[in-house]
């Protein structure tokens, strides 16, 4: 089933809109309901602390290196991380779909 260019543009716009509003859920919503990452909670129960340098990330804890750790930086980190994630998923999907066609 072929998709038209208009349908693809609509899908990409919807994905972009979700990425842009992601800080509302990841920052504001999490604060409202008191959400904490399950692995952070498990580490706290076990008395473990984060080991620096164990895992590398371009955006540790969704912050943008070099910017002050405020709401704007955190929001920008969420959006950039979302764009990177969407690109990775789309790339994997494109590669798999081309492999299946062969």
PDB file of N, CA and C in Angstrom:
ATOM      1  N   UNK A   1       0.843  -1.168   0.000  1.00  0.00           N
ATOM      2  CA  UNK A   1       0.000   0.000   0.000  1.00  0.00           C
ATOM      3  C   UNK A   1       0.895   1.241   0.000  1.00  0.00           C
ATOM      4  N   UNK A   2       0.809   2.013  -1.025  1.00  0.00           N
ATOM      5  CA  UNK A   2       1.634   3.209  -1.168  1.00  0.00           C
ATOM      6  C   UNK A   2       0.991   4.385  -0.432  1.00  0.00           C
ATOM      7  N   UNK A   3       1.840   5.185   0.179  1.00  0.00           N
ATOM      8  CA  UNK A   3       1.338   6.376   0.852  1.00  0.00           C
ATOM      9  C   UNK A   3       1.712   7.588   0.021  1.00  0.00           C
ATOM     10  N   UNK A   4       0.824   8.539   0.020  1.00  0.00           N
ATOM     11  CA  UNK A   4       1.073   9.733  -0.771  1.00  0.00           C
ATOM     12  C   UNK A   4       2.016  10.676  -0.032  1.00  0.00           C
ATOM     13  N   UNK A   5       2.555  11.612  -0.758  1.00  0.00           N
ATOM     14  CA  UNK A   5       3.460  12.602  -0.179  1.00  0.00           C
ATOM     15  C   UNK A   5       2.732  13.440   0.872  1.00  0.00           C
ATOM     16  N   UNK A   6       1.457  13.738   0.621  1.00  0.00           N
ATOM     17  CA  UNK A   6       0.663  14.521   1.573  1.00  0.00           C
ATOM     18  C   UNK A   6       0.507  13.763   2.886  1.00  0.00           C
ATOM     19  N   UNK A   7       0.245  12.453   2.804  1.00  0.00           N
ATOM     20  CA  UNK A   7       0.103  11.643   4.023  1.00  0.00           C
ATOM     21  C   UNK A   7       1.411  11.591   4.803  1.00  0.00           C
ATOM     22  N   UNK A   8       2.527  11.487   4.096  1.00  0.00           N
ATOM     23  CA  UNK A   8       3.827  11.461   4.769  1.00  0.00           C
ATOM     24  C   UNK A   8       4.107  12.790   5.459  1.00  0.00           C
ATOM     25  N   UNK A   9       3.784  13.891   4.786  1.00  0.00           N
ATOM     26  CA  UNK A   9       3.994  15.212   5.388  1.00  0.00           C
ATOM     27  C   UNK A   9       3.125  15.385   6.624  1.00  0.00           C
ATOM     28  N   UNK A  10       1.883  14.927   6.562  1.00  0.00           N
ATOM     29  CA  UNK A  10       0.988  15.008   7.722  1.00  0.00           C
ATOM     30  C   UNK A  10       1.539  14.196   8.892  1.00  0.00           C
ATOM     31  N   UNK A  11       2.020  13.006   8.591  1.00  0.00           N
ATOM     32  CA  UNK A  11       2.573  12.149   9.648  1.00  0.00           C
ATOM     33  C   UNK A  11       3.801  12.801  10.273  1.00  0.00           C
ATOM     34  N   UNK A  12       4.684  13.352   9.452  1.00  0.00           N
ATOM     35  CA  UNK A  12       5.882  14.003   9.980  1.00  0.00           C
ATOM     36  C   UNK A  12       5.527  15.253  10.783  1.00  0.00           C
ATOM     37  N   UNK A  13       4.528  15.997  10.352  1.00  0.00           N
ATOM     38  CA  UNK A  13       4.088  17.168  11.115  1.00  0.00           C
ATOM     39  C   UNK A  13       3.493  16.758  12.462  1.00  0.00           C
ATOM     40  N   UNK A  14       2.737  15.669  12.473  1.00  0.00           N
ATOM     41  CA  UNK A  14       2.166  15.177  13.734  1.00  0.00           C
ATOM     42  C   UNK A  14       3.279  14.735  14.681  1.00  0.00           C
ATOM     43  N   UNK A  15       4.281  14.037  14.156  1.00  0.00           N
ATOM     44  CA  UNK A  15       5.412  13.600  14.974  1.00  0.00           C
ATOM     45  C   UNK A  15       6.163  14.812  15.510  1.00  0.00           C
ATOM     46  N   UNK A  16       6.402  15.803  14.652  1.00  0.00           N
ATOM     47  CA  UNK A  16       7.099  17.016  15.076  1.00  0.00           C
ATOM     48  C   UNK A  16       6.321  17.744  16.173  1.00  0.00           C
ATOM     49  N   UNK A  17       5.004  17.806  16.026  1.00  0.00           N
ATOM     50  CA  UNK A  17       4.175  18.461  17.046  1.00  0.00           C
ATOM     51  C   UNK A  17       4.285  17.721  18.382  1.00  0.00           C
ATOM     52  N   UNK A  18       4.286  16.400  18.351  1.00  0.00           N
ATOM     53  CA  UNK A  18       4.420  15.620  19.583  1.00  0.00           C
ATOM     54  C   UNK A  18       5.790  15.815  20.222  1.00  0.00           C
ATOM     55  N   UNK A  19       6.821  15.911  19.402  1.00  0.00           N
ATOM     56  CA  UNK A  19       8.168  16.144  19.929  1.00  0.00           C
ATOM     57  C   UNK A  19       8.245  17.515  20.595  1.00  0.00           C
ATOM     58  N   UNK A  20       7.621  18.514  19.968  1.00  0.00           N
ATOM     59  CA  UNK A  20       7.666  19.877  20.505  1.00  0.00           C
ATOM     60  C   UNK A  20       6.928  19.983  21.844  1.00  0.00           C
ATOM     61  N   UNK A  21       5.833  19.255  21.997  1.00  0.00           N
ATOM     62  CA  UNK A  21       5.087  19.327  23.260  1.00  0.00           C
ATOM     63  C   UNK A  21       5.583  18.313  24.300  1.00  0.00           C
ATOM     64  N   UNK A  22       6.573  17.500  23.953  1.00  0.00           N
ATOM     65  CA  UNK A  22       7.066  16.480  24.887  1.00  0.00           C
ATOM     66  C   UNK A  22       7.541  17.049  26.223  1.00  0.00           C
ATOM     67  N   UNK A  23       8.140  18.248  26.272  1.00  0.00           N
ATOM     68  CA  UNK A  23       8.515  18.773  27.595  1.00  0.00           C
ATOM     69  C   UNK A  23       7.329  18.982  28.530  1.00  0.00           C
ATOM     70  N   UNK A  24       6.153  19.219  27.968  1.00  0.00           N
ATOM     71  CA  UNK A  24       4.976  19.377  28.824  1.00  0.00           C
ATOM     72  C   UNK A  24       4.683  18.107  29.603  1.00  0.00           C
ATOM     73  N   UNK A  25       4.926  16.981  28.978  1.00  0.00           N
ATOM     74  CA  UNK A  25       4.675  15.708  29.647  1.00  0.00           C
ATOM     75  C   UNK A  25       5.874  15.277  30.484  1.00  0.00           C
ATOM     76  N   UNK A  26       7.081  15.456  29.944  1.00  0.00           N
ATOM     77  CA  UNK A  26       8.283  14.990  30.626  1.00  0.00           C
ATOM     78  C   UNK A  26       8.725  15.855  31.784  1.00  0.00           C
ATOM     79  N   UNK A  27       8.378  17.135  31.771  1.00  0.00           N
ATOM     80  CA  UNK A  27       8.811  18.037  32.832  1.00  0.00           C
ATOM     81  C   UNK A  27       7.616  18.466  33.673  1.00  0.00           C
ATOM     82  N   UNK A  28       6.692  19.161  33.041  1.00  0.00           N
ATOM     83  CA  UNK A  28       5.553  19.722  33.773  1.00  0.00           C
ATOM     84  C   UNK A  28       4.657  18.609  34.320  1.00  0.00           C
ATOM     85  N   UNK A  29       4.280  17.679  33.464  1.00  0.00           N
ATOM     86  CA  UNK A  29       3.401  16.590  33.897  1.00  0.00           C
ATOM     87  C   UNK A  29       4.026  15.728  34.977  1.00  0.00           C
ATOM     88  N   UNK A  30       5.319  15.453  34.834  1.00  0.00           N
ATOM     89  CA  UNK A  30       6.015  14.638  35.831  1.00  0.00           C
ATOM     90  C   UNK A  30       6.043  15.333  37.189  1.00  0.00           C
ATOM     91  N   UNK A  31       6.236  16.634  37.169  1.00  0.00           N
ATOM     92  CA  UNK A  31       6.226  17.396  38.423  1.00  0.00           C
ATOM     93  C   UNK A  31       4.835  17.397  39.057  1.00  0.00           C
ATOM     94  N   UNK A  32       3.811  17.534  38.221  1.00  0.00           N
ATOM     95  CA  UNK A  32       2.440  17.588  38.746  1.00  0.00           C
ATOM     96  C   UNK A  32       2.041  16.298  39.453  1.00  0.00           C
ATOM     97  N   UNK A  33       2.443  15.165  38.900  1.00  0.00           N
ATOM     98  CA  UNK A  33       2.030  13.886  39.487  1.00  0.00           C
ATOM     99  C   UNK A  33       3.105  13.277  40.379  1.00  0.00           C
ATOM    100  N   UNK A  34       4.254  13.932  40.492  1.00  0.00           N
ATOM    101  CA  UNK A  34       5.325  13.429  41.341  1.00  0.00           C
ATOM    102  C   UNK A  34       6.028  12.210  40.775  1.00  0.00           C
ATOM    103  N   UNK A  35       6.120  12.129  39.455  1.00  0.00           N
ATOM    104  CA  UNK A  35       6.750  10.973  38.801  1.00  0.00           C
ATOM    105  C   UNK A  35       8.267  11.038  38.940  1.00  0.00           C
ATOM    106  N   UNK A  36       8.869   9.879  39.213  1.00  0.00           N
ATOM    107  CA  UNK A  36      10.319   9.728  39.232  1.00  0.00           C
ATOM    108  C   UNK A  36      10.659   8.480  38.433  1.00  0.00           C
ATOM    109  N   UNK A  37      11.787   8.508  37.760  1.00  0.00           N
ATOM    110  CA  UNK A  37      12.207   7.363  36.960  1.00  0.00           C
ATOM    111  C   UNK A  37      12.316   6.115  37.831  1.00  0.00           C
ATOM    112  N   UNK A  38      11.758   4.992  37.371  1.00  0.00           N
ATOM    113  CA  UNK A  38      11.814   3.755  38.165  1.00  0.00           C
ATOM    114  C   UNK A  38      13.236   3.313  38.508  1.00  0.00           C
ATOM    115  N   UNK A  39      14.173   3.474  37.571  1.00  0.00           N
ATOM    116  CA  UNK A  39      15.554   3.070  37.877  1.00  0.00           C
ATOM    117  C   UNK A  39      16.171   3.969  38.939  1.00  0.00           C
ATOM    118  N   UNK A  40      15.807   5.243  38.937  1.00  0.00           N
ATOM    119  CA  UNK A  40      16.294   6.141  39.983  1.00  0.00           C
ATOM    120  C   UNK A  40      15.743   5.731  41.341  1.00  0.00           C
ATOM    121  N   UNK A  41      14.472   5.357  41.385  1.00  0.00           N
ATOM    122  CA  UNK A  41      13.866   4.904  42.639  1.00  0.00           C
ATOM    123  C   UNK A  41      14.509   3.611  43.133  1.00  0.00           C
ATOM    124  N   UNK A  42      14.753   2.676  42.202  1.00  0.00           N
ATOM    125  CA  UNK A  42      15.390   1.411  42.589  1.00  0.00           C
ATOM    126  C   UNK A  42      16.800   1.658  43.118  1.00  0.00           C
ATOM    127  N   UNK A  43      17.537   2.557  42.467  1.00  0.00           N
ATOM    128  CA  UNK A  43      18.893   2.878  42.929  1.00  0.00           C
ATOM    129  C   UNK A  43      18.860   3.505  44.313  1.00  0.00           C
ATOM    130  N   UNK A  44      17.857   4.343  44.559  1.00  0.00           N
ATOM    131  CA  UNK A  44      17.726   4.979  45.870  1.00  0.00           C
ATOM    132  C   UNK A  44      17.447   3.939  46.946  1.00  0.00           C
ATOM    133  N   UNK A  45      16.570   2.983  46.654  1.00  0.00           N
ATOM    134  CA  UNK A  45      16.240   1.925  47.612  1.00  0.00           C
ATOM    135  C   UNK A  45      17.478   1.077  47.909  1.00  0.00           C
ATOM    136  N   UNK A  46      18.271   0.811  46.877  1.00  0.00           N
ATOM    137  CA  UNK A  46      19.469  -0.012  47.044  1.00  0.00           C
ATOM    138  C   UNK A  46      20.669   0.773  47.565  1.00  0.00           C
ATOM    139  N   UNK A  47      20.506   2.083  47.699  1.00  0.00           N
ATOM    140  CA  UNK A  47      21.597   2.913  48.192  1.00  0.00           C
ATOM    141  C   UNK A  47      22.690   3.148  47.176  1.00  0.00           C
ATOM    142  N   UNK A  48      22.361   3.054  45.908  1.00  0.00           N
ATOM    143  CA  UNK A  48      23.343   3.249  44.840  1.00  0.00           C
ATOM    144  C   UNK A  48      23.339   4.696  44.386  1.00  0.00           C
ATOM    145  N   UNK A  49      24.491   5.144  43.915  1.00  0.00           N
ATOM    146  CA  UNK A  49      24.601   6.483  43.357  1.00  0.00           C
ATOM    147  C   UNK A  49      25.010   6.380  41.900  1.00  0.00           C
ATOM    148  N   UNK A  50      24.734   7.433  41.155  1.00  0.00           N
ATOM    149  CA  UNK A  50      25.072   7.463  39.736  1.00  0.00           C
ATOM    150  C   UNK A  50      26.588   7.482  39.567  1.00  0.00           C
ATOM    151  N   UNK A  51      27.075   6.623  38.678  1.00  0.00           N
ATOM    152  CA  UNK A  51      28.508   6.557  38.404  1.00  0.00           C
ATOM    153  C   UNK A  51      28.798   7.431  37.188  1.00  0.00           C
ATOM    154  N   UNK A  52      29.601   8.451  37.406  1.00  0.00           N
ATOM    155  CA  UNK A  52      29.948   9.354  36.311  1.00  0.00           C
ATOM    156  C   UNK A  52      30.829   8.633  35.297  1.00  0.00           C
ATOM    157  N   UNK A  53      30.558   8.832  34.032  1.00  0.00           N
ATOM    158  CA  UNK A  53      31.394   8.288  32.981  1.00  0.00           C
ATOM    159  C   UNK A  53      31.082   6.862  32.589  1.00  0.00           C
ATOM    160  N   UNK A  54      30.148   6.212  33.290  1.00  0.00           N
ATOM    161  CA  UNK A  54      29.814   4.829  32.948  1.00  0.00           C
ATOM    162  C   UNK A  54      29.094   4.761  31.603  1.00  0.00           C
ATOM    163  N   UNK A  55      28.133   5.618  31.402  1.00  0.00           N
ATOM    164  CA  UNK A  55      27.392   5.694  30.148  1.00  0.00           C
ATOM    165  C   UNK A  55      27.535   7.101  29.607  1.00  0.00           C
ATOM    166  N   UNK A  56      27.848   7.206  28.339  1.00  0.00           N
ATOM    167  CA  UNK A  56      27.976   8.517  27.723  1.00  0.00           C
ATOM    168  C   UNK A  56      26.675   8.879  27.022  1.00  0.00           C
ATOM    169  N   UNK A  57      26.299  10.120  27.119  1.00  0.00           N
ATOM    170  CA  UNK A  57      25.106  10.619  26.438  1.00  0.00           C
ATOM    171  C   UNK A  57      25.376  12.055  26.031  1.00  0.00           C
ATOM    172  N   UNK A  58      24.938  12.434  24.820  1.00  0.00           N
ATOM    173  CA  UNK A  58      25.137  13.830  24.421  1.00  0.00           C
ATOM    174  C   UNK A  58      24.272  14.780  25.251  1.00  0.00           C
ATOM    175  N   UNK A  59      23.188  14.264  25.836  1.00  0.00           N
ATOM    176  CA  UNK A  59      22.278  15.077  26.641  1.00  0.00           C
ATOM    177  C   UNK A  59      21.985  14.372  27.965  1.00  0.00           C
ATOM    178  N   UNK A  60      22.957  14.381  28.891  1.00  0.00           N
ATOM    179  CA  UNK A  60      22.718  13.688  30.160  1.00  0.00           C
ATOM    180  C   UNK A  60      21.548  14.304  30.911  1.00  0.00           C
ATOM    181  N   UNK A  61      20.644  13.457  31.332  1.00  0.00           N
ATOM    182  CA  UNK A  61      19.431  13.888  32.035  1.00  0.00           C
ATOM    183  C   UNK A  61      18.657  14.937  31.247  1.00  0.00           C
ATOM    184  N   UNK A  62      18.709  14.832  29.929  1.00  0.00           N
ATOM    185  CA  UNK A  62      17.986  15.722  29.006  1.00  0.00           C
ATOM    186  C   UNK A  62      18.429  17.181  29.087  1.00  0.00           C
ATOM    187  N   UNK A  63      19.607  17.441  29.602  1.00  0.00           N
ATOM    188  CA  UNK A  63      20.103  18.817  29.651  1.00  0.00           C
ATOM    189  C   UNK A  63      21.041  19.050  28.482  1.00  0.00           C
ATOM    190  N   UNK A  64      21.133  20.295  28.046  1.00  0.00           N
ATOM    191  CA  UNK A  64      22.026  20.663  26.954  1.00  0.00           C
ATOM    192  C   UNK A  64      23.329  21.163  27.569  1.00  0.00           C
ATOM    193  N   UNK A  65      24.435  20.456  27.312  1.00  0.00           N
ATOM    194  CA  UNK A  65      25.714  20.883  27.887  1.00  0.00           C
ATOM    195  C   UNK A  65      26.049  22.322  27.485  1.00  0.00           C
ATOM    196  N   UNK A  66      26.531  23.083  28.442  1.00  0.00           N
ATOM    197  CA  UNK A  66      26.911  24.466  28.168  1.00  0.00           C
ATOM    198  C   UNK A  66      25.833  25.474  28.483  1.00  0.00           C
ATOM    199  N   UNK A  67      24.599  25.012  28.633  1.00  0.00           N
ATOM    200  CA  UNK A  67      23.504  25.911  28.996  1.00  0.00           C
ATOM    201  C   UNK A  67      23.181  25.737  30.476  1.00  0.00           C
ATOM    202  N   UNK A  68      22.671  26.790  31.068  1.00  0.00           N
ATOM    203  CA  UNK A  68      22.253  26.707  32.470  1.00  0.00           C
ATOM    204  C   UNK A  68      21.175  25.634  32.604  1.00  0.00           C
ATOM    205  N   UNK A  69      21.181  24.934  33.725  1.00  0.00           N
ATOM    206  CA  UNK A  69      20.182  23.879  33.926  1.00  0.00           C
ATOM    207  C   UNK A  69      18.883  24.493  34.421  1.00  0.00           C
ATOM    208  N   UNK A  70      18.158  25.084  33.499  1.00  0.00           N
ATOM    209  CA  UNK A  70      16.863  25.667  33.825  1.00  0.00           C
ATOM    210  C   UNK A  70      15.795  25.006  32.960  1.00  0.00           C
ATOM    211  N   UNK A  71      14.574  25.496  33.083  1.00  0.00           N
ATOM    212  CA  UNK A  71      13.448  24.895  32.373  1.00  0.00           C
ATOM    213  C   UNK A  71      13.635  24.951  30.864  1.00  0.00           C
ATOM    214  N   UNK A  72      14.178  26.059  30.353  1.00  0.00           N
ATOM    215  CA  UNK A  72      14.363  26.204  28.908  1.00  0.00           C
ATOM    216  C   UNK A  72      15.389  25.207  28.385  1.00  0.00           C
ATOM    217  N   UNK A  73      16.500  25.062  29.081  1.00  0.00           N
ATOM    218  CA  UNK A  73      17.535  24.113  28.661  1.00  0.00           C
ATOM    219  C   UNK A  73      17.003  22.690  28.699  1.00  0.00           C
ATOM    220  N   UNK A  74      16.275  22.362  29.751  1.00  0.00           N
ATOM    221  CA  UNK A  74      15.709  21.027  29.880  1.00  0.00           C
ATOM    222  C   UNK A  74      14.690  20.760  28.776  1.00  0.00           C
ATOM    223  N   UNK A  75      13.872  21.754  28.467  1.00  0.00           N
ATOM    224  CA  UNK A  75      12.889  21.605  27.388  1.00  0.00           C
ATOM    225  C   UNK A  75      13.586  21.399  26.051  1.00  0.00           C
ATOM    226  N   UNK A  76      14.623  22.181  25.809  1.00  0.00           N
ATOM    227  CA  UNK A  76      15.382  22.043  24.566  1.00  0.00           C
ATOM    228  C   UNK A  76      16.018  20.658  24.490  1.00  0.00           C
ATOM    229  N   UNK A  77      16.508  20.159  25.604  1.00  0.00           N
ATOM    230  CA  UNK A  77      17.079  18.815  25.644  1.00  0.00           C
ATOM    231  C   UNK A  77      16.052  17.749  25.307  1.00  0.00           C
ATOM    232  N   UNK A  78      14.834  17.901  25.814  1.00  0.00           N
ATOM    233  CA  UNK A  78      13.754  16.956  25.485  1.00  0.00           C
ATOM    234  C   UNK A  78      13.450  16.979  23.995  1.00  0.00           C
ATOM    235  N   UNK A  79      13.351  18.176  23.423  1.00  0.00           N
ATOM    236  CA  UNK A  79      13.017  18.297  22.000  1.00  0.00           C
ATOM    237  C   UNK A  79      14.137  17.715  21.138  1.00  0.00           C
ATOM    238  N   UNK A  80      15.387  18.060  21.438  1.00  0.00           N
ATOM    239  CA  UNK A  80      16.508  17.541  20.648  1.00  0.00           C
ATOM    240  C   UNK A  80      16.594  16.020  20.779  1.00  0.00           C
ATOM    241  N   UNK A  81      16.436  15.509  21.976  1.00  0.00           N
ATOM    242  CA  UNK A  81      16.464  14.054  22.183  1.00  0.00           C
ATOM    243  C   UNK A  81      15.319  13.381  21.425  1.00  0.00           C
ATOM    244  N   UNK A  82      14.158  14.018  21.414  1.00  0.00           N
ATOM    245  CA  UNK A  82      13.026  13.475  20.662  1.00  0.00           C
ATOM    246  C   UNK A  82      13.294  13.435  19.176  1.00  0.00           C
ATOM    247  N   UNK A  83      13.884  14.495  18.643  1.00  0.00           N
ATOM    248  CA  UNK A  83      14.203  14.542  17.209  1.00  0.00           C
ATOM    249  C   UNK A  83      15.221  13.446  16.872  1.00  0.00           C
ATOM    250  N   UNK A  84      16.237  13.293  17.712  1.00  0.00           N
ATOM    251  CA  UNK A  84      17.238  12.245  17.473  1.00  0.00           C
ATOM    252  C   UNK A  84      16.575  10.867  17.518  1.00  0.00           C
ATOM    253  N   UNK A  85      15.722  10.639  18.512  1.00  0.00           N
ATOM    254  CA  UNK A  85      15.034   9.352  18.617  1.00  0.00           C
ATOM    255  C   UNK A  85      14.147   9.057  17.428  1.00  0.00           C
ATOM    256  N   UNK A  86      13.401  10.050  16.976  1.00  0.00           N
ATOM    257  CA  UNK A  86      12.528   9.862  15.815  1.00  0.00           C
ATOM    258  C   UNK A  86      13.362   9.563  14.577  1.00  0.00           C
ATOM    259  N   UNK A  87      14.473  10.270  14.404  1.00  0.00           N
ATOM    260  CA  UNK A  87      15.347  10.023  13.243  1.00  0.00           C
ATOM    261  C   UNK A  87      15.916   8.611  13.256  1.00  0.00           C
ATOM    262  N   UNK A  88      16.319   8.138  14.439  1.00  0.00           N
ATOM    263  CA  UNK A  88      16.857   6.783  14.542  1.00  0.00           C
ATOM    264  C   UNK A  88      15.775   5.755  14.195  1.00  0.00           C
ATOM    265  N   UNK A  89      14.579   5.943  14.730  1.00  0.00           N
ATOM    266  CA  UNK A  89      13.490   5.002  14.462  1.00  0.00           C
ATOM    267  C   UNK A  89      13.102   5.018  12.988  1.00  0.00           C
ATOM    268  N   UNK A  90      13.026   6.204  12.391  1.00  0.00           N
ATOM    269  CA  UNK A  90      12.705   6.290  10.966  1.00  0.00           C
ATOM    270  C   UNK A  90      13.790   5.650  10.114  1.00  0.00           C
ATOM    271  N   UNK A  91      15.050   5.860  10.471  1.00  0.00           N
ATOM    272  CA  UNK A  91      16.150   5.264   9.716  1.00  0.00           C
ATOM    273  C   UNK A  91      16.094   3.738   9.777  1.00  0.00           C
ATOM    274  N   UNK A  92      15.852   3.195  10.964  1.00  0.00           N
ATOM    275  CA  UNK A  92      15.736   1.742  11.111  1.00  0.00           C
ATOM    276  C   UNK A  92      14.549   1.226  10.293  1.00  0.00           C
ATOM    277  N   UNK A  93      13.433   1.942  10.344  1.00  0.00           N
ATOM    278  CA  UNK A  93      12.257   1.537   9.569  1.00  0.00           C
ATOM    279  C   UNK A  93      12.506   1.556   8.074  1.00  0.00           C
ATOM    280  N   UNK A  94      13.195   2.569   7.598  1.00  0.00           N
ATOM    281  CA  UNK A  94      13.493   2.664   6.163  1.00  0.00           C
ATOM    282  C   UNK A  94      14.416   1.528   5.742  1.00  0.00           C
ATOM    283  N   UNK A  95      15.460   1.277   6.536  1.00  0.00           N
ATOM    284  CA  UNK A  95      16.390   0.187   6.216  1.00  0.00           C
ATOM    285  C   UNK A  95      15.669  -1.151   6.210  1.00  0.00           C
ATOM    286  N   UNK A  96      14.843  -1.406   7.223  1.00  0.00           N
ATOM    287  CA  UNK A  96      14.112  -2.681   7.271  1.00  0.00           C
ATOM    288  C   UNK A  96      13.128  -2.836   6.127  1.00  0.00           C
ATOM    289  N   UNK A  97      12.449  -1.744   5.777  1.00  0.00           N
ATOM    290  CA  UNK A  97      11.473  -1.832   4.673  1.00  0.00           C
ATOM    291  C   UNK A  97      12.174  -2.098   3.351  1.00  0.00           C
ATOM    292  N   UNK A  98      13.361  -1.553   3.169  1.00  0.00           N
ATOM    293  CA  UNK A  98      14.111  -1.808   1.925  1.00  0.00           C
ATOM    294  C   UNK A  98      14.641  -3.232   1.895  1.00  0.00           C
ATOM    295  N   UNK A  99      15.028  -3.763   3.064  1.00  0.00           N
ATOM    296  CA  UNK A  99      15.480  -5.147   3.114  1.00  0.00           C
ATOM    297  C   UNK A  99      14.339  -6.115   2.820  1.00  0.00           C
ATOM    298  N   UNK A 100      13.159  -5.802   3.303  1.00  0.00           N
ATOM    299  CA  UNK A 100      11.994  -6.666   3.095  1.00  0.00           C
ATOM    300  C   UNK A 100      11.575  -6.658   1.618  1.00  0.00           C
ATOM    301  N   UNK A 101      11.705  -5.501   0.961  1.00  0.00           N
ATOM    302  CA  UNK A 101      11.333  -5.410  -0.460  1.00  0.00           C
ATOM    303  C   UNK A 101      12.204  -6.280  -1.348  1.00  0.00           C
ATOM    304  N   UNK A 102      13.447  -6.503  -0.920  1.00  0.00           N
ATOM    305  CA  UNK A 102      14.368  -7.333  -1.726  1.00  0.00           C
ATOM    306  C   UNK A 102      14.013  -8.732  -1.563  1.00  0.00           C
TER     307      UNK A 102
END
